[in-house]
Amino acid sequence: MIAISFLGIANYQETTYVWREQSCTTCFFTESLPHFYPELERVLLFVTPTVQNHANFRTLTGRMGDLVQPIAIPEGHSEQELWQIFD
């Protein structure tokens, strides 16, 4: 199974995510996915250049290791960049 997720530069707060009878407490939703879906092989994480240089990215990839595959996307500051993200 492959999941897709996005990450930003917000000040994420710790939350308890619940699925069926399991729970996972983390500030990143993406980090909860392997707890709920142990068959998860990879998470495609869409990130802008700003996010790739942010502590959130370093923390999440440090916790999840090779399970996360970053996918670079543009910042989305123009219509052209938004179409690139859409494509």
PDB file of N, CA and C in Angstrom:
ATOM      1  N   MET A   1       0.841  -1.166   0.000  1.00  0.00           N
ATOM      2  CA  MET A   1       0.000   0.000   0.000  1.00  0.00           C
ATOM      3  C   MET A   1       0.894   1.240   0.000  1.00  0.00           C
ATOM      4  N   ILE A   2       0.500   2.217  -0.789  1.00  0.00           N
ATOM      5  CA  ILE A   2       1.198   3.493  -0.856  1.00  0.00           C
ATOM      6  C   ILE A   2       0.202   4.590  -0.489  1.00  0.00           C
ATOM      7  N   ALA A   3       0.624   5.506   0.361  1.00  0.00           N
ATOM      8  CA  ALA A   3      -0.216   6.639   0.765  1.00  0.00           C
ATOM      9  C   ALA A   3       0.409   7.923   0.240  1.00  0.00           C
ATOM     10  N   ILE A   4      -0.409   8.948   0.099  1.00  0.00           N
ATOM     11  CA  ILE A   4       0.114  10.275  -0.229  1.00  0.00           C
ATOM     12  C   ILE A   4      -0.234  11.206   0.920  1.00  0.00           C
ATOM     13  N   SER A   5       0.654  12.180   1.130  1.00  0.00           N
ATOM     14  CA  SER A   5       0.427  13.146   2.196  1.00  0.00           C
ATOM     15  C   SER A   5       1.133  14.446   1.843  1.00  0.00           C
ATOM     16  N   PHE A   6       0.802  15.475   2.565  1.00  0.00           N
ATOM     17  CA  PHE A   6       1.390  16.792   2.375  1.00  0.00           C
ATOM     18  C   PHE A   6       1.903  17.279   3.722  1.00  0.00           C
ATOM     19  N   LEU A   7       2.867  18.183   3.685  1.00  0.00           N
ATOM     20  CA  LEU A   7       3.428  18.742   4.910  1.00  0.00           C
ATOM     21  C   LEU A   7       3.650  20.224   4.710  1.00  0.00           C
ATOM     22  N   GLY A   8       3.396  20.987   5.735  1.00  0.00           N
ATOM     23  CA  GLY A   8       3.603  22.427   5.684  1.00  0.00           C
ATOM     24  C   GLY A   8       4.554  22.884   6.770  1.00  0.00           C
ATOM     25  N   ILE A   9       4.588  24.192   6.972  1.00  0.00           N
ATOM     26  CA  ILE A   9       5.499  24.777   7.961  1.00  0.00           C
ATOM     27  C   ILE A   9       4.751  25.273   9.197  1.00  0.00           C
ATOM     28  N   ALA A  10       3.506  24.850   9.335  1.00  0.00           N
ATOM     29  CA  ALA A  10       2.691  25.271  10.483  1.00  0.00           C
ATOM     30  C   ALA A  10       3.293  24.740  11.786  1.00  0.00           C
ATOM     31  N   ASN A  11       2.875  25.332  12.874  1.00  0.00           N
ATOM     32  CA  ASN A  11       3.274  24.882  14.197  1.00  0.00           C
ATOM     33  C   ASN A  11       2.296  23.779  14.623  1.00  0.00           C
ATOM     34  N   TYR A  12       2.534  22.574  14.136  1.00  0.00           N
ATOM     35  CA  TYR A  12       1.634  21.452  14.408  1.00  0.00           C
ATOM     36  C   TYR A  12       1.637  21.124  15.895  1.00  0.00           C
ATOM     37  N   GLN A  13       0.453  20.846  16.405  1.00  0.00           N
ATOM     38  CA  GLN A  13       0.301  20.495  17.815  1.00  0.00           C
ATOM     39  C   GLN A  13       0.026  18.997  17.940  1.00  0.00           C
ATOM     40  N   GLU A  14       0.475  18.432  19.034  1.00  0.00           N
ATOM     41  CA  GLU A  14       0.261  17.014  19.265  1.00  0.00           C
ATOM     42  C   GLU A  14      -1.237  16.711  19.336  1.00  0.00           C
ATOM     43  N   THR A  15      -1.617  15.647  18.647  1.00  0.00           N
ATOM     44  CA  THR A  15      -3.010  15.226  18.549  1.00  0.00           C
ATOM     45  C   THR A  15      -3.057  13.712  18.652  1.00  0.00           C
ATOM     46  N   THR A  16      -4.134  13.190  19.165  1.00  0.00           N
ATOM     47  CA  THR A  16      -4.319  11.744  19.167  1.00  0.00           C
ATOM     48  C   THR A  16      -5.262  11.377  18.037  1.00  0.00           C
ATOM     49  N   TYR A  17      -4.726  10.628  17.083  1.00  0.00           N
ATOM     50  CA  TYR A  17      -5.504  10.140  15.951  1.00  0.00           C
ATOM     51  C   TYR A  17      -6.034   8.758  16.312  1.00  0.00           C
ATOM     52  N   VAL A  18      -7.286   8.498  15.974  1.00  0.00           N
ATOM     53  CA  VAL A  18      -7.917   7.232  16.323  1.00  0.00           C
ATOM     54  C   VAL A  18      -8.501   6.614  15.063  1.00  0.00           C
ATOM     55  N   TRP A  19      -8.218   5.340  14.866  1.00  0.00           N
ATOM     56  CA  TRP A  19      -8.806   4.578  13.770  1.00  0.00           C
ATOM     57  C   TRP A  19      -9.184   3.216  14.321  1.00  0.00           C
ATOM     58  N   ARG A  20     -10.452   2.918  14.234  1.00  0.00           N
ATOM     59  CA  ARG A  20     -11.004   1.691  14.803  1.00  0.00           C
ATOM     60  C   ARG A  20     -10.632   1.615  16.282  1.00  0.00           C
ATOM     61  N   GLU A  21      -9.896   0.632  16.712  1.00  0.00           N
ATOM     62  CA  GLU A  21      -9.588   0.520  18.134  1.00  0.00           C
ATOM     63  C   GLU A  21      -8.155   0.901  18.452  1.00  0.00           C
ATOM     64  N   GLN A  22      -7.485   1.544  17.519  1.00  0.00           N
ATOM     65  CA  GLN A  22      -6.089   1.949  17.717  1.00  0.00           C
ATOM     66  C   GLN A  22      -6.008   3.460  17.818  1.00  0.00           C
ATOM     67  N   SER A  23      -4.974   3.919  18.491  1.00  0.00           N
ATOM     68  CA  SER A  23      -4.731   5.354  18.561  1.00  0.00           C
ATOM     69  C   SER A  23      -3.235   5.613  18.424  1.00  0.00           C
ATOM     70  N   CYS A  24      -2.923   6.810  17.967  1.00  0.00           N
ATOM     71  CA  CYS A  24      -1.528   7.225  17.803  1.00  0.00           C
ATOM     72  C   CYS A  24      -1.447   8.713  18.119  1.00  0.00           C
ATOM     73  N   THR A  25      -0.577   9.078  19.030  1.00  0.00           N
ATOM     74  CA  THR A  25      -0.413  10.472  19.416  1.00  0.00           C
ATOM     75  C   THR A  25       0.852  11.025  18.776  1.00  0.00           C
ATOM     76  N   THR A  26       0.680  12.053  17.973  1.00  0.00           N
ATOM     77  CA  THR A  26       1.779  12.697  17.256  1.00  0.00           C
ATOM     78  C   THR A  26       1.303  14.053  16.759  1.00  0.00           C
ATOM     79  N   CYS A  27       2.225  14.892  16.380  1.00  0.00           N
ATOM     80  CA  CYS A  27       1.829  16.173  15.795  1.00  0.00           C
ATOM     81  C   CYS A  27       1.716  16.079  14.274  1.00  0.00           C
ATOM     82  N   PHE A  28       2.103  14.948  13.687  1.00  0.00           N
ATOM     83  CA  PHE A  28       2.051  14.771  12.233  1.00  0.00           C
ATOM     84  C   PHE A  28       1.099  13.637  11.873  1.00  0.00           C
ATOM     85  N   PHE A  29       0.042  13.943  11.150  1.00  0.00           N
ATOM     86  CA  PHE A  29      -0.892  12.910  10.713  1.00  0.00           C
ATOM     87  C   PHE A  29      -0.167  11.809   9.945  1.00  0.00           C
ATOM     88  N   THR A  30       0.765  12.191   9.097  1.00  0.00           N
ATOM     89  CA  THR A  30       1.504  11.224   8.283  1.00  0.00           C
ATOM     90  C   THR A  30       2.165  10.157   9.151  1.00  0.00           C
ATOM     91  N   GLU A  31       2.649  10.546  10.305  1.00  0.00           N
ATOM     92  CA  GLU A  31       3.322   9.602  11.189  1.00  0.00           C
ATOM     93  C   GLU A  31       2.355   8.559  11.755  1.00  0.00           C
ATOM     94  N   SER A  32       1.076   8.877  11.803  1.00  0.00           N
ATOM     95  CA  SER A  32       0.101   7.920  12.325  1.00  0.00           C
ATOM     96  C   SER A  32      -0.225   6.814  11.318  1.00  0.00           C
ATOM     97  N   LEU A  33       0.007   7.033  10.063  1.00  0.00           N
ATOM     98  CA  LEU A  33      -0.416   6.080   9.034  1.00  0.00           C
ATOM     99  C   LEU A  33       0.141   4.671   9.212  1.00  0.00           C
ATOM    100  N   PRO A  34       1.443   4.487   9.458  1.00  0.00           N
ATOM    101  CA  PRO A  34       1.925   3.109   9.619  1.00  0.00           C
ATOM    102  C   PRO A  34       1.391   2.410  10.868  1.00  0.00           C
ATOM    103  N   HIS A  35       0.921   3.166  11.859  1.00  0.00           N
ATOM    104  CA  HIS A  35       0.326   2.552  13.042  1.00  0.00           C
ATOM    105  C   HIS A  35      -1.031   1.936  12.703  1.00  0.00           C
ATOM    106  N   PHE A  36      -1.763   2.610  11.825  1.00  0.00           N
ATOM    107  CA  PHE A  36      -3.084   2.137  11.440  1.00  0.00           C
ATOM    108  C   PHE A  36      -3.039   1.156  10.273  1.00  0.00           C
ATOM    109  N   TYR A  37      -2.024   1.283   9.444  1.00  0.00           N
ATOM    110  CA  TYR A  37      -1.888   0.432   8.260  1.00  0.00           C
ATOM    111  C   TYR A  37      -0.486  -0.175   8.231  1.00  0.00           C
ATOM    112  N   PRO A  38      -0.259  -1.242   8.960  1.00  0.00           N
ATOM    113  CA  PRO A  38       1.084  -1.838   9.028  1.00  0.00           C
ATOM    114  C   PRO A  38       1.586  -2.357   7.685  1.00  0.00           C
ATOM    115  N   GLU A  39       0.677  -2.572   6.733  1.00  0.00           N
ATOM    116  CA  GLU A  39       1.089  -3.027   5.408  1.00  0.00           C
ATOM    117  C   GLU A  39       1.593  -1.879   4.526  1.00  0.00           C
ATOM    118  N   LEU A  40       1.591  -0.677   5.056  1.00  0.00           N
ATOM    119  CA  LEU A  40       2.052   0.497   4.317  1.00  0.00           C
ATOM    120  C   LEU A  40       3.509   0.334   3.905  1.00  0.00           C
ATOM    121  N   GLU A  41       3.756   0.465   2.621  1.00  0.00           N
ATOM    122  CA  GLU A  41       5.105   0.305   2.081  1.00  0.00           C
ATOM    123  C   GLU A  41       5.834   1.630   1.915  1.00  0.00           C
ATOM    124  N   ARG A  42       5.050   2.689   1.643  1.00  0.00           N
ATOM    125  CA  ARG A  42       5.680   3.962   1.342  1.00  0.00           C
ATOM    126  C   ARG A  42       4.660   5.082   1.479  1.00  0.00           C
ATOM    127  N   VAL A  43       5.154   6.261   1.863  1.00  0.00           N
ATOM    128  CA  VAL A  43       4.331   7.470   1.895  1.00  0.00           C
ATOM    129  C   VAL A  43       4.981   8.472   0.948  1.00  0.00           C
ATOM    130  N   LEU A  44       4.244   8.849  -0.087  1.00  0.00           N
ATOM    131  CA  LEU A  44       4.701   9.901  -0.982  1.00  0.00           C
ATOM    132  C   LEU A  44       4.338  11.227  -0.327  1.00  0.00           C
ATOM    133  N   LEU A  45       5.354  11.966   0.086  1.00  0.00           N
ATOM    134  CA  LEU A  45       5.153  13.206   0.838  1.00  0.00           C
ATOM    135  C   LEU A  45       5.452  14.391  -0.067  1.00  0.00           C
ATOM    136  N   PHE A  46       4.409  15.126  -0.428  1.00  0.00           N
ATOM    137  CA  PHE A  46       4.559  16.278  -1.308  1.00  0.00           C
ATOM    138  C   PHE A  46       5.011  17.487  -0.488  1.00  0.00           C
ATOM    139  N   VAL A  47       6.156  18.054  -0.892  1.00  0.00           N
ATOM    140  CA  VAL A  47       6.748  19.155  -0.134  1.00  0.00           C
ATOM    141  C   VAL A  47       7.318  20.218  -1.075  1.00  0.00           C
ATOM    142  N   THR A  48       7.167  21.466  -0.674  1.00  0.00           N
ATOM    143  CA  THR A  48       7.759  22.585  -1.411  1.00  0.00           C
ATOM    144  C   THR A  48       9.210  22.769  -0.958  1.00  0.00           C
ATOM    145  N   PRO A  49       9.985  23.580  -1.682  1.00  0.00           N
ATOM    146  CA  PRO A  49      11.356  23.861  -1.231  1.00  0.00           C
ATOM    147  C   PRO A  49      11.399  24.469   0.179  1.00  0.00           C
ATOM    148  N   THR A  50      10.428  25.304   0.502  1.00  0.00           N
ATOM    149  CA  THR A  50      10.382  25.903   1.836  1.00  0.00           C
ATOM    150  C   THR A  50      10.220  24.825   2.899  1.00  0.00           C
ATOM    151  N   VAL A  51       9.348  23.880   2.644  1.00  0.00           N
ATOM    152  CA  VAL A  51       9.107  22.804   3.609  1.00  0.00           C
ATOM    153  C   VAL A  51      10.331  21.910   3.741  1.00  0.00           C
ATOM    154  N   GLN A  52      11.004  21.635   2.625  1.00  0.00           N
ATOM    155  CA  GLN A  52      12.181  20.768   2.674  1.00  0.00           C
ATOM    156  C   GLN A  52      13.294  21.343   3.542  1.00  0.00           C
ATOM    157  N   ASN A  53      13.284  22.651   3.759  1.00  0.00           N
ATOM    158  CA  ASN A  53      14.291  23.296   4.594  1.00  0.00           C
ATOM    159  C   ASN A  53      13.772  23.623   5.991  1.00  0.00           C
ATOM    160  N   HIS A  54      12.626  23.094   6.346  1.00  0.00           N
ATOM    161  CA  HIS A  54      11.985  23.413   7.621  1.00  0.00           C
ATOM    162  C   HIS A  54      12.166  22.269   8.622  1.00  0.00           C
ATOM    163  N   ALA A  55      12.092  22.615   9.892  1.00  0.00           N
ATOM    164  CA  ALA A  55      12.234  21.622  10.962  1.00  0.00           C
ATOM    165  C   ALA A  55      11.158  20.540  10.904  1.00  0.00           C
ATOM    166  N   ASN A  56       9.952  20.885  10.453  1.00  0.00           N
ATOM    167  CA  ASN A  56       8.895  19.871  10.362  1.00  0.00           C
ATOM    168  C   ASN A  56       9.322  18.715   9.461  1.00  0.00           C
ATOM    169  N   PHE A  57       9.937  19.031   8.337  1.00  0.00           N
ATOM    170  CA  PHE A  57      10.387  17.999   7.402  1.00  0.00           C
ATOM    171  C   PHE A  57      11.485  17.151   8.029  1.00  0.00           C
ATOM    172  N   ARG A  58      12.442  17.803   8.643  1.00  0.00           N
ATOM    173  CA  ARG A  58      13.544  17.062   9.276  1.00  0.00           C
ATOM    174  C   ARG A  58      13.023  16.154  10.396  1.00  0.00           C
ATOM    175  N   THR A  59      12.098  16.653  11.179  1.00  0.00           N
ATOM    176  CA  THR A  59      11.550  15.851  12.278  1.00  0.00           C
ATOM    177  C   THR A  59      10.767  14.656  11.747  1.00  0.00           C
ATOM    178  N   LEU A  60       9.870  14.908  10.802  1.00  0.00           N
ATOM    179  CA  LEU A  60       9.047  13.822  10.280  1.00  0.00           C
ATOM    180  C   LEU A  60       9.886  12.759   9.573  1.00  0.00           C
ATOM    181  N   THR A  61      10.798  13.171   8.719  1.00  0.00           N
ATOM    182  CA  THR A  61      11.619  12.183   8.014  1.00  0.00           C
ATOM    183  C   THR A  61      12.567  11.471   8.968  1.00  0.00           C
ATOM    184  N   GLY A  62      12.991  12.143  10.015  1.00  0.00           N
ATOM    185  CA  GLY A  62      13.816  11.492  11.027  1.00  0.00           C
ATOM    186  C   GLY A  62      13.055  10.404  11.771  1.00  0.00           C
ATOM    187  N   ARG A  63      11.788  10.634  12.013  1.00  0.00           N
ATOM    188  CA  ARG A  63      10.958   9.657  12.720  1.00  0.00           C
ATOM    189  C   ARG A  63      10.530   8.494  11.821  1.00  0.00           C
ATOM    190  N   MET A  64      10.295   8.791  10.540  1.00  0.00           N
ATOM    191  CA  MET A  64       9.731   7.771   9.654  1.00  0.00           C
ATOM    192  C   MET A  64      10.762   7.117   8.730  1.00  0.00           C
ATOM    193  N   GLY A  65      11.930   7.703   8.630  1.00  0.00           N
ATOM    194  CA  GLY A  65      13.000   7.102   7.840  1.00  0.00           C
ATOM    195  C   GLY A  65      12.646   6.877   6.385  1.00  0.00           C
ATOM    196  N   ASP A  66      13.029   5.708   5.884  1.00  0.00           N
ATOM    197  CA  ASP A  66      12.877   5.386   4.466  1.00  0.00           C
ATOM    198  C   ASP A  66      11.436   5.173   4.031  1.00  0.00           C
ATOM    199  N   LEU A  67      10.517   5.144   4.969  1.00  0.00           N
ATOM    200  CA  LEU A  67       9.114   4.977   4.613  1.00  0.00           C
ATOM    201  C   LEU A  67       8.599   6.192   3.839  1.00  0.00           C
ATOM    202  N   VAL A  68       9.210   7.346   4.084  1.00  0.00           N
ATOM    203  CA  VAL A  68       8.794   8.589   3.427  1.00  0.00           C
ATOM    204  C   VAL A  68       9.626   8.811   2.173  1.00  0.00           C
ATOM    205  N   GLN A  69       8.931   9.071   1.074  1.00  0.00           N
ATOM    206  CA  GLN A  69       9.590   9.447  -0.171  1.00  0.00           C
ATOM    207  C   GLN A  69       9.149  10.864  -0.515  1.00  0.00           C
ATOM    208  N   PRO A  70      10.027  11.855  -0.326  1.00  0.00           N
ATOM    209  CA  PRO A  70       9.654  13.239  -0.632  1.00  0.00           C
ATOM    210  C   PRO A  70       9.449  13.431  -2.137  1.00  0.00           C
ATOM    211  N   ILE A  71       8.398  14.151  -2.482  1.00  0.00           N
ATOM    212  CA  ILE A  71       8.105  14.527  -3.856  1.00  0.00           C
ATOM    213  C   ILE A  71       8.113  16.051  -3.895  1.00  0.00           C
ATOM    214  N   ALA A  72       9.064  16.617  -4.618  1.00  0.00           N
ATOM    215  CA  ALA A  72       9.193  18.074  -4.678  1.00  0.00           C
ATOM    216  C   ALA A  72       8.093  18.668  -5.553  1.00  0.00           C
ATOM    217  N   ILE A  73       7.448  19.699  -5.028  1.00  0.00           N
ATOM    218  CA  ILE A  73       6.456  20.457  -5.778  1.00  0.00           C
ATOM    219  C   ILE A  73       6.802  21.941  -5.642  1.00  0.00           C
ATOM    220  N   PRO A  74       6.382  22.762  -6.617  1.00  0.00           N
ATOM    221  CA  PRO A  74       6.658  24.194  -6.501  1.00  0.00           C
ATOM    222  C   PRO A  74       5.849  24.834  -5.380  1.00  0.00           C
ATOM    223  N   GLU A  75       6.217  26.045  -5.052  1.00  0.00           N
ATOM    224  CA  GLU A  75       5.574  26.773  -3.952  1.00  0.00           C
ATOM    225  C   GLU A  75       4.103  27.080  -4.213  1.00  0.00           C
ATOM    226  N   GLY A  76       3.735  27.226  -5.479  1.00  0.00           N
ATOM    227  CA  GLY A  76       2.343  27.536  -5.815  1.00  0.00           C
ATOM    228  C   GLY A  76       2.024  29.012  -5.755  1.00  0.00           C
ATOM    229  N   HIS A  77       3.032  29.861  -6.009  1.00  0.00           N
ATOM    230  CA  HIS A  77       2.826  31.313  -5.937  1.00  0.00           C
ATOM    231  C   HIS A  77       2.273  31.902  -7.230  1.00  0.00           C
ATOM    232  N   SER A  78       2.188  31.101  -8.282  1.00  0.00           N
ATOM    233  CA  SER A  78       1.668  31.601  -9.551  1.00  0.00           C
ATOM    234  C   SER A  78       0.712  30.569 -10.136  1.00  0.00           C
ATOM    235  N   GLU A  79      -0.054  30.998 -11.114  1.00  0.00           N
ATOM    236  CA  GLU A  79      -0.974  30.073 -11.773  1.00  0.00           C
ATOM    237  C   GLU A  79      -0.200  28.931 -12.432  1.00  0.00           C
ATOM    238  N   GLN A  80       0.926  29.254 -13.037  1.00  0.00           N
ATOM    239  CA  GLN A  80       1.749  28.229 -13.687  1.00  0.00           C
ATOM    240  C   GLN A  80       2.209  27.167 -12.666  1.00  0.00           C
ATOM    241  N   GLU A  81       2.656  27.610 -11.499  1.00  0.00           N
ATOM    242  CA  GLU A  81       3.093  26.668 -10.464  1.00  0.00           C
ATOM    243  C   GLU A  81       1.942  25.820  -9.946  1.00  0.00           C
ATOM    244  N   LEU A  82       0.768  26.425  -9.833  1.00  0.00           N
ATOM    245  CA  LEU A  82      -0.413  25.664  -9.400  1.00  0.00           C
ATOM    246  C   LEU A  82      -0.750  24.578 -10.400  1.00  0.00           C
ATOM    247  N   TRP A  83      -0.625  24.874 -11.685  1.00  0.00           N
ATOM    248  CA  TRP A  83      -0.864  23.850 -12.707  1.00  0.00           C
ATOM    249  C   TRP A  83       0.194  22.763 -12.664  1.00  0.00           C
ATOM    250  N   GLN A  84       1.421  23.129 -12.357  1.00  0.00           N
ATOM    251  CA  GLN A  84       2.487  22.109 -12.219  1.00  0.00           C
ATOM    252  C   GLN A  84       2.157  21.158 -11.070  1.00  0.00           C
ATOM    253  N   ILE A  85       1.673  21.691  -9.971  1.00  0.00           N
ATOM    254  CA  ILE A  85       1.288  20.853  -8.839  1.00  0.00           C
ATOM    255  C   ILE A  85       0.134  19.943  -9.240  1.00  0.00           C
ATOM    256  N   PHE A  86      -0.841  20.494  -9.924  1.00  0.00           N
ATOM    257  CA  PHE A  86      -1.999  19.718 -10.370  1.00  0.00           C
ATOM    258  C   PHE A  86      -1.582  18.576 -11.297  1.00  0.00           C
ATOM    259  N   ASP A  87      -0.672  18.881 -12.217  1.00  0.00           N
ATOM    260  CA  ASP A  87      -0.205  17.855 -13.152  1.00  0.00           C
ATOM    261  C   ASP A  87       0.517  16.751 -12.414  1.00  0.00           C
TER     262      ASP A  87
END
